[in-house]
Amino acid sequence: MKYIFLLSLLLLTSPIMAQDYPSSEKDAVYLATLKAVLDYKMNDTENIKQLDKLRKDEKFNQKLQEMLEDLDNKKRSSRKDKRVYELLIRAGKNVYNVLD
């Protein structure tokens, strides 16, 4: 329920958000949009069974943790961090533009 509210709020305020935020904050807007849509879609009835299966899969969870250890939130100096960040921003921007 809270995801539906958040997504509705995001959709209603998206024209305002696009105009009001300076370019330095647009990355945050795109990341927030991406997260809200991902959270919403992860609760989709078609996806929930597969996601529950993955959550119980120890091999997948271990591999995912190993991949996340390669990232560093304190700095984006590594090449991998920069690429992941750019991919997330681009995906968030694309989703934002589709929903706007």
Protein backbone atom coordinates (compact mmCIF):
# COMPACT_ATOMS: atom_id res chain seq x y z
CA MET A 1 0.00 0.00 0.00
CA LYS A 2 2.76 2.44 0.89
CA TYR A 3 4.46 1.72 -2.45
CA ILE A 4 1.30 2.58 -4.36
CA PHE A 5 1.02 5.82 -2.41
CA LEU A 6 4.68 6.64 -3.01
CA LEU A 7 4.43 5.91 -6.72
CA SER A 8 1.21 7.94 -7.02
CA LEU A 9 2.83 10.84 -5.21
CA LEU A 10 5.86 10.55 -7.46
CA LEU A 11 3.72 10.55 -10.59
CA LEU A 12 1.68 13.53 -9.44
CA THR A 13 4.72 15.60 -8.55
CA SER A 14 6.98 14.54 -11.42
CA PRO A 15 6.32 17.60 -13.62
CA ILE A 16 7.09 19.81 -10.64
CA MET A 17 10.19 17.79 -9.76
CA ALA A 18 11.68 17.97 -13.24
CA GLN A 19 11.48 21.75 -13.30
CA ASP A 20 12.29 22.59 -9.68
CA TYR A 21 15.45 20.57 -9.10
CA PRO A 22 18.82 21.85 -10.20
CA SER A 23 20.92 19.55 -12.35
CA SER A 24 23.05 18.63 -9.33
CA GLU A 25 20.00 17.02 -7.67
CA LYS A 26 18.59 15.28 -10.73
CA ASP A 27 20.67 12.18 -10.02
CA ALA A 28 18.88 11.86 -6.68
CA VAL A 29 15.51 12.30 -8.41
CA TYR A 30 16.37 9.55 -10.89
CA LEU A 31 17.61 7.19 -8.17
CA ALA A 32 14.50 7.80 -6.05
CA THR A 33 12.27 7.19 -9.06
CA LEU A 34 14.08 3.98 -9.90
CA LYS A 35 13.85 2.72 -6.31
CA ALA A 36 10.15 3.53 -6.00
CA VAL A 37 9.32 1.73 -9.25
CA LEU A 38 11.52 -1.25 -8.35
CA ASP A 39 9.88 -1.55 -4.94
CA TYR A 40 6.46 -1.35 -6.57
CA LYS A 41 7.27 -3.91 -9.27
CA MET A 42 8.88 -6.33 -6.82
CA ASN A 43 5.46 -6.69 -5.20
CA ASP A 44 3.81 -7.46 -8.54
CA THR A 45 1.98 -10.79 -8.40
CA GLU A 46 3.87 -12.07 -11.45
CA ASN A 47 7.28 -11.39 -9.89
CA ILE A 48 6.71 -12.19 -6.24
CA LYS A 49 6.96 -15.99 -6.57
CA GLN A 50 10.28 -15.85 -8.41
CA LEU A 51 11.64 -13.27 -5.99
CA ASP A 52 10.64 -15.38 -2.99
CA LYS A 53 12.42 -18.33 -4.58
CA LEU A 54 15.56 -16.24 -5.06
CA ARG A 55 15.46 -14.96 -1.48
CA LYS A 56 15.63 -18.58 -0.29
CA ASP A 57 18.40 -19.55 -2.72
CA GLU A 58 21.60 -19.55 -0.65
CA LYS A 59 23.88 -19.82 -3.68
CA PHE A 60 22.28 -16.77 -5.30
CA ASN A 61 22.37 -14.76 -2.06
CA GLN A 62 26.05 -15.59 -1.52
CA LYS A 63 26.90 -14.58 -5.09
CA LEU A 64 24.91 -11.35 -4.71
CA GLN A 65 26.75 -10.48 -1.48
CA GLU A 66 30.08 -11.09 -3.19
CA MET A 67 29.08 -8.77 -6.03
CA LEU A 68 27.95 -6.06 -3.61
CA GLU A 69 31.26 -6.24 -1.75
CA ASP A 70 32.92 -4.92 -4.91
CA LEU A 71 31.00 -1.65 -4.50
CA ASP A 72 31.86 1.19 -2.15
CA ASN A 73 29.27 3.80 -1.11
CA LYS A 74 31.85 6.11 0.43
CA LYS A 75 33.52 6.93 -2.86
CA ARG A 76 33.00 6.36 -6.54
CA SER A 77 36.62 6.16 -7.44
CA SER A 78 36.65 2.64 -8.77
CA ARG A 79 35.75 2.01 -12.35
CA LYS A 80 33.09 -0.51 -11.39
CA ASP A 81 31.42 1.92 -8.97
CA LYS A 82 31.31 4.62 -11.64
CA ARG A 83 29.84 2.28 -14.24
CA VAL A 84 27.17 0.95 -11.87
CA TYR A 85 26.25 4.47 -10.78
CA GLU A 86 25.98 5.68 -14.37
CA LEU A 87 23.81 2.68 -15.29
CA LEU A 88 21.49 3.36 -12.35
CA ILE A 89 21.17 7.05 -13.22
CA ARG A 90 20.48 6.26 -16.87
CA ALA A 91 17.87 3.64 -15.93
CA GLY A 92 16.25 6.04 -13.45
CA LYS A 93 16.17 8.80 -16.05
CA ASN A 94 14.59 6.47 -18.61
CA VAL A 95 11.92 5.30 -16.16
CA TYR A 96 11.30 8.88 -15.04
CA ASN A 97 10.83 10.02 -18.64
CA VAL A 98 8.47 7.13 -19.44
CA LEU A 99 6.30 7.88 -16.40
CA ASP A 100 6.40 11.65 -16.80
